Protein backbone atom coordinates (compact mmCIF):
# COMPACT_ATOMS: atom_id res chain seq x y z
CA MET A 1 -19.47 -7.05 -17.58
CA LYS A 2 -19.75 -7.05 -21.50
CA LEU A 3 -19.14 -10.46 -23.75
CA HIS A 4 -18.06 -10.06 -27.20
CA THR A 5 -18.34 -12.66 -30.23
CA ILE A 6 -14.35 -13.24 -31.77
CA ASN A 7 -14.44 -14.81 -34.95
CA THR A 8 -11.39 -16.37 -35.90
CA GLY A 9 -12.38 -17.31 -39.50
CA PHE A 10 -13.74 -20.83 -40.90
CA PHE A 11 -12.37 -24.18 -41.72
CA LYS A 12 -13.55 -27.43 -43.21
CA LEU A 13 -13.77 -31.04 -41.89
CA ASP A 14 -15.30 -34.04 -43.12
CA GLY A 15 -19.05 -34.17 -42.34
CA GLY A 16 -19.03 -37.86 -41.42
CA ALA A 17 -16.73 -37.37 -38.97
CA MET A 18 -18.33 -34.40 -37.66
CA PHE A 19 -21.82 -36.05 -37.41
CA GLY A 20 -20.39 -39.93 -36.27
CA VAL A 21 -23.21 -42.36 -36.62
CA VAL A 22 -25.75 -39.96 -38.20
CA PRO A 23 -26.26 -41.17 -41.80
CA LYS A 24 -25.43 -38.88 -44.56
CA THR A 25 -28.68 -38.76 -45.70
CA ILE A 26 -29.48 -36.99 -42.61
CA TRP A 27 -26.70 -34.36 -41.83
CA GLN A 28 -26.20 -33.39 -45.19
CA LYS A 29 -29.44 -31.32 -44.81
CA LEU A 30 -28.12 -29.60 -41.70
CA ASN A 31 -24.32 -28.53 -43.20
CA PRO A 32 -24.38 -29.05 -46.69
CA PRO A 33 -20.97 -31.27 -47.96
CA ASP A 34 -18.76 -29.86 -50.86
CA GLU A 35 -17.87 -32.89 -53.34
CA ASN A 36 -15.40 -33.91 -51.03
CA ASN A 37 -17.31 -34.80 -48.18
CA MET A 38 -15.89 -31.76 -46.38
CA CYS A 39 -18.29 -29.16 -44.11
CA THR A 40 -17.72 -25.46 -43.19
CA TRP A 41 -17.31 -24.88 -39.63
CA ALA A 42 -16.58 -21.68 -37.74
CA MET A 43 -14.25 -21.18 -35.24
CA ARG A 44 -15.58 -18.66 -32.91
CA CYS A 45 -14.35 -17.28 -29.48
CA LEU A 46 -15.56 -15.35 -26.67
CA LEU A 47 -14.19 -12.47 -25.17
CA ILE A 48 -15.10 -11.20 -21.66
CA GLU A 49 -14.81 -7.89 -19.94
CA ASP A 50 -15.17 -7.61 -16.59
CA GLY A 51 -13.69 -5.00 -13.94
CA ASN A 52 -9.69 -4.74 -14.84
CA LYS A 53 -10.02 -8.41 -16.55
CA LEU A 54 -10.38 -9.42 -20.35
CA ILE A 55 -10.68 -13.00 -20.72
CA LEU A 56 -10.55 -14.68 -23.95
CA ILE A 57 -11.91 -18.15 -24.22
CA ASP A 58 -10.09 -20.45 -26.95
CA ASN A 59 -8.23 -18.81 -29.60
CA GLY A 60 -8.76 -20.39 -32.99
CA ILE A 61 -6.16 -22.38 -35.12
CA GLY A 62 -3.71 -20.03 -35.52
CA LYS A 63 -1.49 -19.07 -38.49
CA LYS A 64 1.97 -20.61 -37.91
CA GLN A 65 1.35 -24.30 -39.16
CA SER A 66 2.75 -25.23 -42.81
CA GLU A 67 1.09 -24.75 -45.86
CA LYS A 68 0.61 -28.61 -46.16
CA PHE A 69 -0.95 -28.75 -42.43
CA PHE A 70 -3.28 -25.89 -43.71
CA SER A 71 -4.08 -27.21 -47.04
CA TYR A 72 -6.01 -30.04 -44.88
CA TYR A 73 -8.40 -27.92 -43.46
CA HIS A 74 -9.26 -25.16 -46.30
CA LEU A 75 -9.28 -22.06 -44.15
CA SER A 76 -11.48 -19.34 -45.24
CA GLY A 77 -13.23 -16.14 -44.57
CA ASP A 78 -11.95 -12.27 -43.79
CA ASP A 79 -11.71 -12.91 -39.80
CA SER A 80 -8.89 -13.37 -37.79
CA LEU A 81 -7.99 -13.47 -33.90
CA LYS A 82 -6.04 -9.94 -34.24
CA LYS A 83 -8.36 -8.24 -36.58
CA SER A 84 -11.81 -9.26 -34.34
CA LEU A 85 -10.01 -8.20 -31.21
CA GLN A 86 -9.05 -4.93 -33.05
CA ASN A 87 -12.23 -3.80 -34.51
CA LEU A 88 -13.67 -4.01 -30.52
CA GLY A 89 -10.17 -1.76 -29.62
CA PHE A 90 -8.16 -4.26 -28.22
CA ALA A 91 -4.72 -5.82 -28.97
CA PRO A 92 -3.33 -9.38 -27.65
CA SER A 93 -1.66 -7.43 -25.45
CA ASN A 94 -4.67 -6.54 -23.64
CA ILE A 95 -5.90 -10.15 -22.82
CA THR A 96 -5.23 -10.86 -18.94
CA ASP A 97 -6.47 -14.28 -19.71
CA ASN A 98 -6.74 -16.80 -21.88
CA PHE A 99 -9.11 -19.82 -20.90
CA LEU A 100 -8.97 -22.88 -23.09
CA SER A 101 -11.66 -25.28 -23.02
CA HIS A 102 -9.13 -28.03 -24.56
CA LEU A 103 -6.05 -28.16 -26.21
CA HIS A 104 -7.08 -29.31 -29.89
CA PHE A 105 -5.10 -27.39 -32.28
CA ASP A 106 -8.47 -25.92 -33.72
CA HIS A 107 -9.06 -24.52 -30.10
CA ALA A 108 -5.70 -23.71 -28.70
CA GLY A 109 -3.53 -22.93 -32.33
CA GLY A 110 -3.68 -19.35 -31.92
CA GLY A 111 -2.23 -19.14 -28.90
CA VAL A 112 1.39 -19.53 -30.17
CA GLU A 113 3.14 -17.90 -32.74
CA TRP A 114 6.43 -17.31 -34.62
CA ASN A 115 8.58 -14.63 -33.32
CA GLU A 116 9.91 -11.54 -36.16
CA ASP A 117 12.70 -13.67 -37.71
CA ARG A 118 10.51 -17.40 -37.39
CA SER A 119 13.19 -18.36 -35.35
CA LYS A 120 11.19 -19.64 -32.47
CA TYR A 121 8.02 -19.16 -30.98
CA LYS A 122 5.95 -16.92 -28.27
CA THR A 123 2.99 -16.76 -26.99
CA THR A 124 0.55 -14.64 -28.66
CA PHE A 125 -0.92 -12.75 -25.44
CA GLN A 126 2.36 -11.74 -23.88
CA ASN A 127 0.46 -10.55 -20.33
CA ALA A 128 -1.89 -13.21 -20.07
CA ASN A 129 -2.20 -16.32 -17.75
CA TYR A 130 -3.18 -19.65 -20.31
CA TRP A 131 -5.81 -21.75 -18.13
CA THR A 132 -6.36 -25.15 -18.82
CA SER A 133 -7.23 -28.05 -16.44
CA LYS A 134 -3.93 -30.59 -14.83
CA LYS A 135 -6.06 -33.79 -15.85
CA HIS A 136 -6.18 -32.30 -19.36
CA TRP A 137 -2.73 -30.99 -19.81
CA GLU A 138 -1.16 -34.49 -18.98
CA ASN A 139 -3.54 -36.17 -21.80
CA ALA A 140 -2.33 -33.56 -24.14
CA LEU A 141 1.25 -34.07 -23.58
CA ASP A 142 0.90 -37.89 -23.33
CA SER A 143 -1.87 -38.33 -25.38
CA ASN A 144 -3.87 -41.56 -26.91
CA PRO A 145 -2.77 -42.78 -30.62
CA ARG A 146 -6.87 -41.66 -31.55
CA GLU A 147 -6.31 -37.91 -30.86
CA LYS A 148 -2.66 -37.56 -30.63
CA ALA A 149 -2.23 -35.92 -33.86
CA SER A 150 -4.83 -32.99 -32.51
CA PHE A 151 -2.35 -32.25 -29.52
CA LEU A 152 0.34 -30.27 -31.62
CA LYS A 153 3.71 -29.49 -29.18
CA GLU A 154 4.13 -25.93 -30.91
CA ASN A 155 0.75 -25.45 -29.11
CA LEU A 156 1.35 -26.12 -26.03
CA LEU A 157 4.93 -26.05 -24.62
CA PRO A 158 5.54 -22.15 -25.15
CA MET A 159 2.91 -21.86 -22.73
CA GLU A 160 4.63 -23.39 -20.07
CA GLU A 161 7.81 -22.46 -20.91
CA SER A 162 6.90 -18.98 -20.70
CA GLY A 163 5.43 -19.55 -17.29
CA GLN A 164 2.32 -18.50 -18.28
CA LEU A 165 0.56 -21.69 -17.92
CA LYS A 166 -2.00 -22.07 -15.07
CA PHE A 167 -4.20 -24.98 -13.95
CA VAL A 168 -7.77 -23.97 -12.71
CA ASP A 169 -7.10 -26.74 -9.92
CA ASP A 170 -5.27 -24.57 -8.43
CA GLY A 171 -7.82 -21.87 -8.01
CA HIS A 172 -8.76 -19.03 -10.40
CA ASP A 173 -10.69 -15.95 -10.05
CA MET A 174 -12.39 -15.65 -13.44
CA PRO A 175 -15.93 -15.09 -13.51
CA PHE A 176 -17.26 -17.96 -14.55
CA ASP A 177 -18.38 -21.68 -13.16
CA LEU A 178 -17.14 -24.83 -14.92
CA PHE A 179 -18.53 -28.03 -16.47
CA TYR A 180 -16.15 -30.56 -16.98
CA SER A 181 -16.55 -33.53 -19.89
CA ASP A 182 -14.63 -36.22 -21.02
CA GLY A 183 -16.43 -37.29 -23.83
CA HIS A 184 -15.07 -35.29 -26.68
CA THR A 185 -11.62 -35.41 -24.86
CA THR A 186 -10.31 -36.05 -21.33
CA GLY A 187 -10.73 -32.66 -19.41
CA MET A 188 -12.39 -30.78 -21.21
CA MET A 189 -14.38 -27.66 -19.30
CA VAL A 190 -17.63 -25.50 -20.54
CA ALA A 191 -17.36 -21.99 -19.04
CA MET A 192 -20.78 -20.99 -17.51
CA ILE A 193 -20.87 -17.50 -17.49
CA PRO A 194 -23.53 -15.15 -15.40
CA TYR A 195 -24.97 -12.60 -17.60
CA LYS A 196 -27.63 -10.48 -17.96
CA ASN A 197 -30.04 -12.50 -15.59
CA THR A 198 -28.88 -15.71 -17.43
CA THR A 199 -26.24 -18.11 -18.22
CA VAL A 200 -23.92 -17.99 -21.26
CA CYS A 201 -22.10 -21.36 -21.84
CA PHE A 202 -19.15 -21.89 -23.99
CA VAL A 203 -20.01 -25.41 -24.75
CA ALA A 204 -17.09 -26.07 -27.03
CA ASP A 205 -17.05 -29.65 -28.10
CA LEU A 206 -19.81 -30.68 -25.88
CA PHE A 207 -21.83 -29.27 -28.52
CA PRO A 208 -19.96 -28.23 -31.54
CA SER A 209 -22.91 -26.63 -33.41
CA MET A 210 -26.90 -26.25 -32.76
CA HIS A 211 -27.63 -29.54 -34.65
CA HIS A 212 -25.50 -31.58 -32.21
CA ILE A 213 -27.75 -30.94 -29.55
CA PRO A 214 -29.97 -34.20 -30.24
CA ILE A 215 -28.36 -36.86 -27.68
CA ASN A 216 -27.10 -39.29 -30.16
CA TYR A 217 -25.69 -36.50 -32.87
CA ASN A 218 -21.91 -36.83 -31.75
CA MET A 219 -18.80 -36.65 -33.48
CA GLY A 220 -16.74 -39.27 -34.70
CA TYR A 221 -13.66 -37.46 -33.02
CA ASP A 222 -15.29 -37.97 -29.40
CA ILE A 223 -13.33 -40.44 -27.72
CA ARG A 224 -16.07 -41.52 -25.23
CA PRO A 225 -18.89 -41.61 -26.99
CA LEU A 226 -21.25 -43.06 -24.20
CA ASP A 227 -19.73 -41.18 -21.82
CA ILE A 228 -20.50 -37.94 -24.04
CA MET A 229 -24.13 -38.69 -24.22
CA ASP A 230 -24.01 -38.95 -20.26
CA GLU A 231 -22.83 -35.51 -20.15
CA LYS A 232 -24.85 -33.71 -22.63
CA LYS A 233 -28.29 -35.07 -21.03
CA ARG A 234 -27.14 -33.96 -17.76
CA PHE A 235 -26.11 -30.69 -19.10
CA LEU A 236 -29.27 -30.27 -21.24
CA GLU A 237 -31.27 -30.84 -18.20
CA MET A 238 -29.87 -28.41 -16.57
CA ALA A 239 -29.67 -25.56 -19.67
CA ALA A 240 -33.22 -26.45 -20.10
CA ALA A 241 -35.03 -25.57 -16.78
CA ASN A 242 -32.23 -22.43 -16.30
CA ASN A 243 -32.99 -20.97 -19.63
CA TRP A 244 -29.38 -21.12 -20.38
CA VAL A 245 -27.86 -20.14 -23.38
CA LEU A 246 -25.45 -21.99 -25.50
CA PHE A 247 -23.08 -20.12 -27.67
CA PHE A 248 -21.57 -22.42 -30.02
CA GLU A 249 -17.77 -22.49 -31.12
CA HIS A 250 -17.99 -24.39 -34.65
CA ASP A 251 -21.53 -23.68 -35.80
CA PRO A 252 -20.97 -21.83 -39.12
CA VAL A 253 -24.54 -20.04 -38.96
CA ASN A 254 -26.35 -20.00 -35.61
CA GLU A 255 -24.02 -18.32 -32.88
CA CYS A 256 -26.65 -18.81 -29.96
CA CYS A 257 -29.72 -20.77 -28.84
CA THR A 258 -31.72 -21.97 -25.66
CA VAL A 259 -32.96 -25.41 -25.63
CA GLU A 260 -36.11 -27.02 -24.37
CA LEU A 261 -37.54 -30.53 -23.47
CA GLY A 262 -39.94 -31.66 -26.15
CA GLU A 263 -41.90 -35.37 -26.97
CA ARG A 264 -38.78 -36.38 -28.60
CA GLY A 265 -36.01 -35.01 -26.48
CA TYR A 266 -34.09 -31.94 -26.37
CA LYS A 267 -34.63 -29.21 -28.89
CA VAL A 268 -33.98 -25.82 -29.82
CA LYS A 269 -35.93 -22.75 -28.06
CA GLU A 270 -34.86 -20.16 -29.63
CA VAL A 271 -31.89 -19.02 -31.94
CA PHE A 272 -30.29 -15.52 -31.98
CA ARG A 273 -26.79 -13.73 -31.80
CA LEU A 274 -25.01 -12.77 -28.57
CA GLY A 275 -25.49 -9.28 -29.08
CA ASP A 276 -29.45 -9.80 -29.26
CA LEU A 277 -28.93 -10.62 -25.21
């Protein structure tokens, strides 16, 4: 098995929304905001080469939305999904499975694109299965008012209409276990991948960045704040005990870390890049 970081670019989100009840006097030292209180975040995906499978976890924000939509998020950087795949010698047609931690637009937008004449949408990975959980799929199609704007029908329906949508509940043969989390959004999944005598965990929005490791450092976007605190505690207990690697999707600087229990709670143990494993 081989794991590869897939960088798809950066975007900006409000710093207060990303750190919830943590005061700005504290979080601004962790991710300095611009004059509009916006902080830069990564959209980092993970590619798994395993035998005849080429599995992509999440797929970024994509390119098909309107100029007005993208103006809210200030996309930047030279990386893109297709460019990062190409740098590794792959094309979207080589992807056999696209596993989606959850279906918010910054995680699932790159899985659908316009056709050549922009008359209709098509799936980006024509030969792939698109994986989610039934509970999360149902939540995305009939969402609560708070996160409804994060689930875009054009990101979702083409997966189903093409016949490529699959549910992990029905069984899968991907080489990792799953940790389920309902605190950020109903039915989110963390892929836990056995790799080089450890486990690499694609922690998605359970821990958007390294600075979200403290139990009470959570996003305003989380729909169940108390639940995600419990989920983080359970996950960190296992991660510290087994020296798991946390792979961050949104941290603009830090790609991976391990954790340990300190006097004031769980904290970062070592920081490194995936390629250093």
